[in-house]
Amino acid sequence: MNHWKKEDSSQNSVYGKIKIKKEYDKARQNFIRRETDCIKDGS
């Protein structure tokens, strides 16, 4: 039983990392877009 639990937790951590990375990439893209918009407005 422990073996299965171990595998489940490792799978979950991998999925969690992928999900976090997607969220991070999305946030970073939004930030870059906002920065470029500010530069356009300023000039």
Protein backbone atom coordinates (compact mmCIF):
# COMPACT_ATOMS: atom_id res chain seq x y z
CA MET A 1 0.00 0.00 0.00
CA ASN A 2 2.79 2.43 0.89
CA HIS A 3 4.36 1.94 -2.52
CA TRP A 4 1.20 3.17 -4.26
CA LYS A 5 0.85 6.13 -1.95
CA LYS A 6 4.44 7.10 -2.68
CA GLU A 7 3.86 6.98 -6.44
CA ASP A 8 0.66 9.00 -6.16
CA SER A 9 2.40 11.76 -4.23
CA SER A 10 5.28 11.92 -6.73
CA GLN A 11 2.83 12.16 -9.64
CA ASN A 12 0.88 14.88 -7.87
CA SER A 13 4.05 16.88 -7.25
CA VAL A 14 4.95 16.67 -10.94
CA TYR A 15 1.48 17.81 -11.99
CA GLY A 16 1.62 20.54 -9.36
CA LYS A 17 4.96 21.81 -10.66
CA ILE A 18 3.66 21.89 -14.24
CA LYS A 19 0.55 23.76 -13.10
CA ILE A 20 2.63 26.25 -11.11
CA LYS A 21 4.97 26.76 -14.08
CA LYS A 22 2.01 27.47 -16.40
CA GLU A 23 0.62 30.00 -13.91
CA TYR A 24 4.07 31.59 -13.57
CA ASP A 25 4.56 31.82 -17.35
CA LYS A 26 1.11 33.38 -17.75
CA ALA A 27 1.81 35.95 -15.04
CA ARG A 28 5.21 36.77 -16.55
CA GLN A 29 3.69 37.27 -20.01
CA ASN A 30 1.03 39.57 -18.55
CA PHE A 31 3.73 41.55 -16.73
CA ILE A 32 5.82 41.92 -19.91
CA ARG A 33 2.74 43.01 -21.87
CA ARG A 34 1.93 45.61 -19.21
CA GLU A 35 5.53 46.87 -19.26
CA THR A 36 5.50 47.30 -23.05
CA ASP A 37 2.13 49.08 -22.87
CA CYS A 38 3.59 51.54 -20.35
CA ILE A 39 6.57 52.18 -22.62
CA LYS A 40 4.25 52.82 -25.58
CA ASP A 41 2.15 55.25 -23.52
CA GLY A 42 5.24 57.05 -22.24
CA SER A 43 6.79 57.70 -25.66
